[in-house]
């Protein structure tokens, strides 16, 4: 009796998913992730490099034609991982501009 052994190809790559980050960020564009290495909304916004001109308390997430607004600033400042969103393929993120920012010394 012969026993056959089947091997799965080691060159098979995991499927990459893509989200788009735009708006008042330093690095707008696509970000990629996999099911094994998911990406959250706060991570995507942080990866896009925000600054004092980024309004991170009013970040818009578009998924399947529906828009929701998220306070990424609070998520990061207060460590509110329970409010963070795991992103899905095709999600779009928009970080609005903060408007005039005045700093006094």
C-alpha atoms as a PDB file:
ATOM      1  CA  UNK A   1       0.000   0.000   0.000  1.00  0.00           C
ATOM      2  CA  UNK A   2       1.381   3.384  -1.037  1.00  0.00           C
ATOM      3  CA  UNK A   3       0.903   6.478   1.068  1.00  0.00           C
ATOM      4  CA  UNK A   4       0.834   9.739  -0.843  1.00  0.00           C
ATOM      5  CA  UNK A   5       1.870  13.003   0.745  1.00  0.00           C
ATOM      6  CA  UNK A   6       0.646  16.297  -0.616  1.00  0.00           C
ATOM      7  CA  UNK A   7       2.502  19.531   0.007  1.00  0.00           C
ATOM      8  CA  UNK A   8       1.034  22.988  -0.135  1.00  0.00           C
ATOM      9  CA  UNK A   9       3.002  25.450  -2.192  1.00  0.00           C
ATOM     10  CA  UNK A  10       5.268  27.604  -0.022  1.00  0.00           C
ATOM     11  CA  UNK A  11       5.286  30.305  -2.676  1.00  0.00           C
ATOM     12  CA  UNK A  12       1.582  30.962  -2.188  1.00  0.00           C
ATOM     13  CA  UNK A  13       1.166  34.491  -0.813  1.00  0.00           C
ATOM     14  CA  UNK A  14      -1.613  35.632   1.487  1.00  0.00           C
ATOM     15  CA  UNK A  15      -4.232  37.845  -0.149  1.00  0.00           C
ATOM     16  CA  UNK A  16      -3.475  41.539   0.337  1.00  0.00           C
ATOM     17  CA  UNK A  17      -6.259  43.966   1.199  1.00  0.00           C
ATOM     18  CA  UNK A  18      -6.157  47.703   0.519  1.00  0.00           C
ATOM     19  CA  UNK A  19      -7.529  50.838   2.164  1.00  0.00           C
ATOM     20  CA  UNK A  20      -7.173  54.424   0.978  1.00  0.00           C
ATOM     21  CA  UNK A  21      -6.225  57.281   3.325  1.00  0.00           C
ATOM     22  CA  UNK A  22      -6.694  60.857   2.079  1.00  0.00           C
ATOM     23  CA  UNK A  23      -7.081  64.352   3.453  1.00  0.00           C
ATOM     24  CA  UNK A  24      -4.802  66.380   5.693  1.00  0.00           C
ATOM     25  CA  UNK A  25      -2.052  63.774   6.147  1.00  0.00           C
ATOM     26  CA  UNK A  26       1.600  63.660   5.184  1.00  0.00           C
ATOM     27  CA  UNK A  27       1.393  60.349   3.321  1.00  0.00           C
ATOM     28  CA  UNK A  28      -1.950  59.961   1.599  1.00  0.00           C
ATOM     29  CA  UNK A  29      -2.535  56.889  -0.506  1.00  0.00           C
ATOM     30  CA  UNK A  30      -3.091  53.168  -0.271  1.00  0.00           C
ATOM     31  CA  UNK A  31      -2.156  51.026   2.715  1.00  0.00           C
ATOM     32  CA  UNK A  32      -2.029  47.243   2.503  1.00  0.00           C
ATOM     33  CA  UNK A  33      -2.724  44.509   5.046  1.00  0.00           C
ATOM     34  CA  UNK A  34      -3.638  40.819   5.223  1.00  0.00           C
ATOM     35  CA  UNK A  35      -6.081  38.740   7.246  1.00  0.00           C
ATOM     36  CA  UNK A  36      -3.132  37.489   9.316  1.00  0.00           C
ATOM     37  CA  UNK A  37      -1.920  41.071   9.916  1.00  0.00           C
ATOM     38  CA  UNK A  38      -5.082  43.213  10.156  1.00  0.00           C
ATOM     39  CA  UNK A  39      -5.037  47.013  10.224  1.00  0.00           C
ATOM     40  CA  UNK A  40      -7.104  49.283  12.461  1.00  0.00           C
ATOM     41  CA  UNK A  41      -8.394  52.765  11.767  1.00  0.00           C
ATOM     42  CA  UNK A  42      -6.053  54.386  14.301  1.00  0.00           C
ATOM     43  CA  UNK A  43      -3.049  52.520  12.840  1.00  0.00           C
ATOM     44  CA  UNK A  44      -3.908  53.628   9.295  1.00  0.00           C
ATOM     45  CA  UNK A  45      -4.289  57.262  10.371  1.00  0.00           C
ATOM     46  CA  UNK A  46      -1.026  57.119  12.332  1.00  0.00           C
ATOM     47  CA  UNK A  47       0.775  55.499   9.373  1.00  0.00           C
ATOM     48  CA  UNK A  48      -0.467  58.334   7.150  1.00  0.00           C
ATOM     49  CA  UNK A  49       1.399  60.841   9.383  1.00  0.00           C
ATOM     50  CA  UNK A  50      -0.821  63.510  10.905  1.00  0.00           C
ATOM     51  CA  UNK A  51       0.174  66.920  12.261  1.00  0.00           C
ATOM     52  CA  UNK A  52      -1.395  69.911  14.022  1.00  0.00           C
ATOM     53  CA  UNK A  53      -3.376  70.683  10.862  1.00  0.00           C
ATOM     54  CA  UNK A  54      -5.054  67.245  10.892  1.00  0.00           C
ATOM     55  CA  UNK A  55      -8.491  67.086  12.558  1.00  0.00           C
ATOM     56  CA  UNK A  56      -8.175  63.574  13.962  1.00  0.00           C
ATOM     57  CA  UNK A  57     -11.268  63.878  16.161  1.00  0.00           C
ATOM     58  CA  UNK A  58     -13.498  63.935  13.041  1.00  0.00           C
ATOM     59  CA  UNK A  59     -12.011  61.168  10.837  1.00  0.00           C
ATOM     60  CA  UNK A  60     -14.460  59.856   8.253  1.00  0.00           C
ATOM     61  CA  UNK A  61     -14.580  56.170   7.334  1.00  0.00           C
ATOM     62  CA  UNK A  62     -16.461  55.126   4.209  1.00  0.00           C
ATOM     63  CA  UNK A  63     -17.390  51.464   3.936  1.00  0.00           C
ATOM     64  CA  UNK A  64     -19.833  50.087   1.411  1.00  0.00           C
ATOM     65  CA  UNK A  65     -21.201  53.558   0.636  1.00  0.00           C
ATOM     66  CA  UNK A  66     -21.880  54.388   4.305  1.00  0.00           C
ATOM     67  CA  UNK A  67     -19.981  57.148   6.118  1.00  0.00           C
ATOM     68  CA  UNK A  68     -19.174  57.097   9.826  1.00  0.00           C
ATOM     69  CA  UNK A  69     -17.195  59.568  11.907  1.00  0.00           C
ATOM     70  CA  UNK A  70     -14.543  58.501  14.431  1.00  0.00           C
ATOM     71  CA  UNK A  71     -12.530  60.275  17.125  1.00  0.00           C
ATOM     72  CA  UNK A  72      -9.072  58.815  16.449  1.00  0.00           C
ATOM     73  CA  UNK A  73      -7.517  61.501  18.668  1.00  0.00           C
ATOM     74  CA  UNK A  74      -9.373  60.116  21.702  1.00  0.00           C
ATOM     75  CA  UNK A  75      -8.618  56.512  20.731  1.00  0.00           C
ATOM     76  CA  UNK A  76      -4.899  57.255  20.789  1.00  0.00           C
ATOM     77  CA  UNK A  77      -4.827  59.686  23.716  1.00  0.00           C
ATOM     78  CA  UNK A  78      -6.978  57.574  26.043  1.00  0.00           C
ATOM     79  CA  UNK A  79      -6.030  54.143  24.682  1.00  0.00           C
ATOM     80  CA  UNK A  80      -9.644  53.403  23.688  1.00  0.00           C
ATOM     81  CA  UNK A  81      -9.053  50.262  21.635  1.00  0.00           C
ATOM     82  CA  UNK A  82     -12.707  49.344  22.162  1.00  0.00           C
ATOM     83  CA  UNK A  83     -13.664  52.234  19.839  1.00  0.00           C
ATOM     84  CA  UNK A  84     -11.106  51.369  17.158  1.00  0.00           C
ATOM     85  CA  UNK A  85     -12.319  49.771  13.933  1.00  0.00           C
ATOM     86  CA  UNK A  86     -10.694  46.836  12.164  1.00  0.00           C
ATOM     87  CA  UNK A  87     -10.465  47.863   8.542  1.00  0.00           C
ATOM     88  CA  UNK A  88     -11.824  45.904   5.585  1.00  0.00           C
ATOM     89  CA  UNK A  89     -10.729  45.723   1.972  1.00  0.00           C
ATOM     90  CA  UNK A  90     -11.867  48.807   0.080  1.00  0.00           C
ATOM     91  CA  UNK A  91     -12.418  51.067   3.102  1.00  0.00           C
ATOM     92  CA  UNK A  92     -11.717  54.759   2.539  1.00  0.00           C
ATOM     93  CA  UNK A  93     -10.474  57.086   5.276  1.00  0.00           C
ATOM     94  CA  UNK A  94     -10.594  60.878   5.119  1.00  0.00           C
ATOM     95  CA  UNK A  95      -8.794  63.103   7.653  1.00  0.00           C
ATOM     96  CA  UNK A  96     -10.152  66.675   7.430  1.00  0.00           C
ATOM     97  CA  UNK A  97      -8.119  69.833   7.942  1.00  0.00           C
ATOM     98  CA  UNK A  98      -8.303  71.432  11.378  1.00  0.00           C
ATOM     99  CA  UNK A  99      -8.637  74.991  10.076  1.00  0.00           C
ATOM    100  CA  UNK A 100      -6.693  77.774  11.734  1.00  0.00           C
ATOM    101  CA  UNK A 101      -4.435  76.582  14.549  1.00  0.00           C
ATOM    102  CA  UNK A 102      -2.898  79.191  16.824  1.00  0.00           C
ATOM    103  CA  UNK A 103      -0.083  78.450  19.249  1.00  0.00           C
ATOM    104  CA  UNK A 104       0.919  80.940  21.908  1.00  0.00           C
ATOM    105  CA  UNK A 105       4.129  80.709  23.864  1.00  0.00           C
END
